C-alpha atoms as a PDB file:
ATOM      1  CA  UNK A   1     108.760 110.347 100.628  1.00  0.00           C
ATOM      2  CA  UNK A   2     111.048 106.905 100.335  1.00  0.00           C
ATOM      3  CA  UNK A   3     111.069 103.827  98.078  1.00  0.00           C
ATOM      4  CA  UNK A   4     109.074 101.622 100.787  1.00  0.00           C
ATOM      5  CA  UNK A   5     106.433 104.481 100.495  1.00  0.00           C
ATOM      6  CA  UNK A   6     106.467 105.253  96.703  1.00  0.00           C
ATOM      7  CA  UNK A   7     106.367 101.157  96.458  1.00  0.00           C
ATOM      8  CA  UNK A   8     103.033 100.807  98.892  1.00  0.00           C
ATOM      9  CA  UNK A   9     101.158 103.449  96.479  1.00  0.00           C
ATOM     10  CA  UNK A  10     102.129 101.512  93.515  1.00  0.00           C
ATOM     11  CA  UNK A  11     100.711  97.943  95.037  1.00  0.00           C
ATOM     12  CA  UNK A  12      97.653 100.410  95.618  1.00  0.00           C
ATOM     13  CA  UNK A  13      97.342 101.667  92.115  1.00  0.00           C
ATOM     14  CA  UNK A  14      97.738  97.497  90.648  1.00  0.00           C
ATOM     15  CA  UNK A  15      95.023  96.601  93.249  1.00  0.00           C
ATOM     16  CA  UNK A  16      93.149  99.876  91.997  1.00  0.00           C
ATOM     17  CA  UNK A  17      92.584  98.536  87.682  1.00  0.00           C
ATOM     18  CA  UNK A  18      93.068  94.993  89.360  1.00  0.00           C
ATOM     19  CA  UNK A  19      89.692  95.633  90.614  1.00  0.00           C
ATOM     20  CA  UNK A  20      88.442  97.705  87.793  1.00  0.00           C
ATOM     21  CA  UNK A  21      89.803  95.246  85.249  1.00  0.00           C
ATOM     22  CA  UNK A  22      88.074  92.435  87.193  1.00  0.00           C
ATOM     23  CA  UNK A  23      84.239  94.426  87.419  1.00  0.00           C
ATOM     24  CA  UNK A  24      84.549  95.545  84.278  1.00  0.00           C
ATOM     25  CA  UNK A  25      84.576  92.018  83.318  1.00  0.00           C
ATOM     26  CA  UNK A  26      81.052  91.668  84.368  1.00  0.00           C
ATOM     27  CA  UNK A  27      80.271  93.890  80.889  1.00  0.00           C
ATOM     28  CA  UNK A  28      78.972  93.183  78.022  1.00  0.00           C
ATOM     29  CA  UNK A  29      81.007  93.979  74.936  1.00  0.00           C
ATOM     30  CA  UNK A  30      78.728  96.970  74.316  1.00  0.00           C
ATOM     31  CA  UNK A  31      78.755  98.582  77.834  1.00  0.00           C
ATOM     32  CA  UNK A  32      82.199  97.998  77.243  1.00  0.00           C
ATOM     33  CA  UNK A  33      82.890 100.336  74.312  1.00  0.00           C
ATOM     34  CA  UNK A  34      79.488 102.178  74.839  1.00  0.00           C
ATOM     35  CA  UNK A  35      80.208 106.032  74.494  1.00  0.00           C
ATOM     36  CA  UNK A  36      79.383 108.058  77.901  1.00  0.00           C
ATOM     37  CA  UNK A  37      80.288 111.471  78.866  1.00  0.00           C
ATOM     38  CA  UNK A  38      82.930 110.895  80.378  1.00  0.00           C
ATOM     39  CA  UNK A  39      86.764 112.572  78.455  1.00  0.00           C
ATOM     40  CA  UNK A  40      88.303 108.946  76.732  1.00  0.00           C
ATOM     41  CA  UNK A  41      84.442 107.747  76.110  1.00  0.00           C
ATOM     42  CA  UNK A  42      84.337 104.699  77.684  1.00  0.00           C
ATOM     43  CA  UNK A  43      85.073 102.096  79.964  1.00  0.00           C
ATOM     44  CA  UNK A  44      87.334 100.762  77.506  1.00  0.00           C
ATOM     45  CA  UNK A  45      88.538 103.937  76.152  1.00  0.00           C
ATOM     46  CA  UNK A  46      89.577 105.487  79.592  1.00  0.00           C
ATOM     47  CA  UNK A  47      91.183 101.900  80.880  1.00  0.00           C
ATOM     48  CA  UNK A  48      93.843 102.020  77.760  1.00  0.00           C
ATOM     49  CA  UNK A  49      93.747 106.264  79.312  1.00  0.00           C
ATOM     50  CA  UNK A  50      95.084 104.913  82.678  1.00  0.00           C
ATOM     51  CA  UNK A  51      97.325 102.354  81.175  1.00  0.00           C
ATOM     52  CA  UNK A  52      98.886 104.299  78.330  1.00  0.00           C
ATOM     53  CA  UNK A  53      99.602 106.955  81.244  1.00  0.00           C
ATOM     54  CA  UNK A  54     100.853 104.714  83.556  1.00  0.00           C
ATOM     55  CA  UNK A  55     103.444 102.806  80.734  1.00  0.00           C
ATOM     56  CA  UNK A  56     104.773 106.917  79.646  1.00  0.00           C
ATOM     57  CA  UNK A  57     105.212 107.691  83.394  1.00  0.00           C
ATOM     58  CA  UNK A  58     107.354 104.955  83.197  1.00  0.00           C
ATOM     59  CA  UNK A  59     109.152 105.766  80.362  1.00  0.00           C
ATOM     60  CA  UNK A  60     110.108 109.067  80.950  1.00  0.00           C
ATOM     61  CA  UNK A  61     111.015 108.127  84.316  1.00  0.00           C
ATOM     62  CA  UNK A  62     113.519 106.119  83.073  1.00  0.00           C
ATOM     63  CA  UNK A  63     115.020 107.327  80.288  1.00  0.00           C
ATOM     64  CA  UNK A  64     114.244 111.567  79.991  1.00  0.00           C
ATOM     65  CA  UNK A  65     112.497 110.533  76.940  1.00  0.00           C
ATOM     66  CA  UNK A  66     108.697 110.897  76.230  1.00  0.00           C
ATOM     67  CA  UNK A  67     107.673 107.720  74.795  1.00  0.00           C
ATOM     68  CA  UNK A  68     107.144 108.136  70.729  1.00  0.00           C
ATOM     69  CA  UNK A  69     104.902 106.936  68.838  1.00  0.00           C
ATOM     70  CA  UNK A  70     102.173 106.027  72.764  1.00  0.00           C
ATOM     71  CA  UNK A  71     101.238 103.585  73.406  1.00  0.00           C
ATOM     72  CA  UNK A  72      97.785 103.820  72.775  1.00  0.00           C
ATOM     73  CA  UNK A  73      99.220 104.562  68.570  1.00  0.00           C
ATOM     74  CA  UNK A  74     101.219 100.895  69.205  1.00  0.00           C
ATOM     75  CA  UNK A  75      98.764  98.762  70.619  1.00  0.00           C
ATOM     76  CA  UNK A  76      95.128  97.619  69.453  1.00  0.00           C
ATOM     77  CA  UNK A  77      94.040  96.708  72.567  1.00  0.00           C
ATOM     78  CA  UNK A  78      91.191  95.087  70.698  1.00  0.00           C
ATOM     79  CA  UNK A  79      89.436  93.433  74.034  1.00  0.00           C
ATOM     80  CA  UNK A  80      89.267  93.368  77.296  1.00  0.00           C
ATOM     81  CA  UNK A  81      91.878  90.464  78.006  1.00  0.00           C
ATOM     82  CA  UNK A  82      94.882  92.224  76.485  1.00  0.00           C
ATOM     83  CA  UNK A  83      94.339  95.277  78.219  1.00  0.00           C
ATOM     84  CA  UNK A  84      94.861  93.045  80.989  1.00  0.00           C
ATOM     85  CA  UNK A  85      97.620  91.568  79.982  1.00  0.00           C
ATOM     86  CA  UNK A  86      99.607  94.253  78.974  1.00  0.00           C
ATOM     87  CA  UNK A  87      98.094  95.917  82.783  1.00  0.00           C
ATOM     88  CA  UNK A  88      99.995  92.801  84.789  1.00  0.00           C
ATOM     89  CA  UNK A  89     103.140  93.429  82.569  1.00  0.00           C
ATOM     90  CA  UNK A  90     103.138  97.391  82.931  1.00  0.00           C
ATOM     91  CA  UNK A  91     102.482  96.873  86.298  1.00  0.00           C
ATOM     92  CA  UNK A  92     105.336  93.808  86.691  1.00  0.00           C
ATOM     93  CA  UNK A  93     107.668  97.180  85.099  1.00  0.00           C
ATOM     94  CA  UNK A  94     106.793  99.447  87.342  1.00  0.00           C
ATOM     95  CA  UNK A  95     107.336  97.378  90.248  1.00  0.00           C
ATOM     96  CA  UNK A  96     111.586  95.919  88.635  1.00  0.00           C
ATOM     97  CA  UNK A  97     111.440  99.798  88.159  1.00  0.00           C
ATOM     98  CA  UNK A  98     110.765 101.045  91.832  1.00  0.00           C
ATOM     99  CA  UNK A  99     112.641  97.925  93.403  1.00  0.00           C
ATOM    100  CA  UNK A 100     115.891  99.529  91.783  1.00  0.00           C
ATOM    101  CA  UNK A 101     115.310 102.550  92.975  1.00  0.00           C
ATOM    102  CA  UNK A 102     117.121 104.273  96.264  1.00  0.00           C
ATOM    103  CA  UNK A 103     115.950 106.335  98.430  1.00  0.00           C
ATOM    104  CA  UNK A 104     118.619 109.066  97.059  1.00  0.00           C
ATOM    105  CA  UNK A 105     117.161 108.661  93.494  1.00  0.00           C
ATOM    106  CA  UNK A 106     113.757 109.335  94.520  1.00  0.00           C
ATOM    107  CA  UNK A 107     114.646 113.192  95.229  1.00  0.00           C
ATOM    108  CA  UNK A 108     116.201 113.330  91.808  1.00  0.00           C
ATOM    109  CA  UNK A 109     115.205 115.671  89.484  1.00  0.00           C
ATOM    110  CA  UNK A 110     113.889 114.166  86.299  1.00  0.00           C
ATOM    111  CA  UNK A 111     113.850 116.796  83.049  1.00  0.00           C
ATOM    112  CA  UNK A 112     112.322 116.528  79.529  1.00  0.00           C
ATOM    113  CA  UNK A 113     110.813 118.066  76.484  1.00  0.00           C
ATOM    114  CA  UNK A 114     108.071 118.624  75.985  1.00  0.00           C
ATOM    115  CA  UNK A 115     106.273 120.568  73.512  1.00  0.00           C
ATOM    116  CA  UNK A 116     106.188 123.868  75.454  1.00  0.00           C
ATOM    117  CA  UNK A 117     109.663 123.802  76.517  1.00  0.00           C
ATOM    118  CA  UNK A 118     111.777 121.750  79.192  1.00  0.00           C
ATOM    119  CA  UNK A 119     110.223 120.304  81.934  1.00  0.00           C
ATOM    120  CA  UNK A 120     112.026 119.495  85.780  1.00  0.00           C
ATOM    121  CA  UNK A 121     110.216 117.260  88.255  1.00  0.00           C
ATOM    122  CA  UNK A 122     111.434 115.625  91.331  1.00  0.00           C
ATOM    123  CA  UNK A 123     111.263 111.643  90.531  1.00  0.00           C
ATOM    124  CA  UNK A 124     108.771 110.570  93.883  1.00  0.00           C
ATOM    125  CA  UNK A 125     106.804 114.000  93.044  1.00  0.00           C
ATOM    126  CA  UNK A 126     106.126 112.212  89.605  1.00  0.00           C
ATOM    127  CA  UNK A 127     105.136 108.671  90.769  1.00  0.00           C
ATOM    128  CA  UNK A 128     102.771 109.768  93.167  1.00  0.00           C
ATOM    129  CA  UNK A 129     101.483 111.631  89.855  1.00  0.00           C
ATOM    130  CA  UNK A 130     100.717 109.250  88.178  1.00  0.00           C
ATOM    131  CA  UNK A 131      98.784 106.526  91.559  1.00  0.00           C
ATOM    132  CA  UNK A 132      96.980 110.160  91.059  1.00  0.00           C
ATOM    133  CA  UNK A 133      96.237 110.205  87.896  1.00  0.00           C
ATOM    134  CA  UNK A 134      95.356 106.144  88.339  1.00  0.00           C
ATOM    135  CA  UNK A 135      92.828 107.727  90.957  1.00  0.00           C
ATOM    136  CA  UNK A 136      90.964 110.020  89.435  1.00  0.00           C
ATOM    137  CA  UNK A 137      90.237 107.625  86.595  1.00  0.00           C
ATOM    138  CA  UNK A 138      89.396 105.298  87.996  1.00  0.00           C
ATOM    139  CA  UNK A 139      86.755 106.937  89.743  1.00  0.00           C
ATOM    140  CA  UNK A 140      85.382 107.407  86.126  1.00  0.00           C
ATOM    141  CA  UNK A 141      85.726 103.600  85.086  1.00  0.00           C
ATOM    142  CA  UNK A 142      83.793 103.248  88.229  1.00  0.00           C
ATOM    143  CA  UNK A 143      81.270 105.882  87.872  1.00  0.00           C
ATOM    144  CA  UNK A 144      80.003 104.131  84.512  1.00  0.00           C
ATOM    145  CA  UNK A 145      80.410 100.443  85.680  1.00  0.00           C
ATOM    146  CA  UNK A 146      77.989 101.651  88.516  1.00  0.00           C
ATOM    147  CA  UNK A 147      75.796 102.954  85.913  1.00  0.00           C
ATOM    148  CA  UNK A 148      76.000  99.457  84.171  1.00  0.00           C
ATOM    149  CA  UNK A 149      75.075  98.030  87.582  1.00  0.00           C
ATOM    150  CA  UNK A 150      78.237  96.879  88.133  1.00  0.00           C
ATOM    151  CA  UNK A 151      79.558  99.251  91.091  1.00  0.00           C
ATOM    152  CA  UNK A 152      83.151  97.387  92.253  1.00  0.00           C
ATOM    153  CA  UNK A 153      82.621  99.280  95.404  1.00  0.00           C
ATOM    154  CA  UNK A 154      85.551 101.254  97.414  1.00  0.00           C
ATOM    155  CA  UNK A 155      88.462 102.604  95.670  1.00  0.00           C
ATOM    156  CA  UNK A 156      90.140 104.310  98.221  1.00  0.00           C
ATOM    157  CA  UNK A 157      92.926 103.828 100.417  1.00  0.00           C
ATOM    158  CA  UNK A 158      91.625 102.755 103.639  1.00  0.00           C
ATOM    159  CA  UNK A 159      89.370  99.985 101.733  1.00  0.00           C
ATOM    160  CA  UNK A 160      93.033  98.725 100.682  1.00  0.00           C
ATOM    161  CA  UNK A 161      94.975  98.733 103.592  1.00  0.00           C
ATOM    162  CA  UNK A 162      91.342  96.866 105.034  1.00  0.00           C
ATOM    163  CA  UNK A 163      91.384  93.976 102.889  1.00  0.00           C
ATOM    164  CA  UNK A 164      95.349  94.049 103.169  1.00  0.00           C
ATOM    165  CA  UNK A 165      94.692  93.217 107.168  1.00  0.00           C
ATOM    166  CA  UNK A 166      92.172  90.667 106.235  1.00  0.00           C
ATOM    167  CA  UNK A 167      89.320  93.208 107.344  1.00  0.00           C
ATOM    168  CA  UNK A 168      86.742  93.625 104.957  1.00  0.00           C
END
C-alpha cells in the first residue's frame, strides 16, 4: 500500500460521506432523529458515530493516543449543518495528515494503549480500517434514508470511479 492508494481511498470516503450528508438533508428533522433498529439509533446518531470514529482514528494515527474526551462527548451537533461542517473540517484534516506521510511511514507500526492493553497495528491497515468502518455504517445510513423514501443510490467504489470519469 502506498500513499497514493491511501489518498484515493480517503477521497472515496469523503465523496461517500458527502453523499450521505446531502441525502440526509432531504429528511425532516423528525426523520433525522427518529429511532431505528440500527446500532446507533438514527440517521443522526450513525452519522455522528462515523465522524467520531474518523476523528478518533486521525488523532490516534497522529499521536499514538486515544483521544479523550471523544468527539461525541465534546460536541453537541444540534443540526445536520453542524455535523456536515465538522465532516468538512475532519476531511480537510485527514487530507493534510495523509499529505504529510511517506510510503515508508505507512509501513510503520502504530502502538497505542486501550483498556485491555497495548495494541500494535501497521499504519496503512489502520487507515484502511477507517474507510472500511465508514463503509459499514454508511450502508446503514443508506438503508435508513431509503426507508424514509430518500435513497442515496449506489455507494460503491465503482460508482465513485464512474462519477470521477464523468460516466455516471
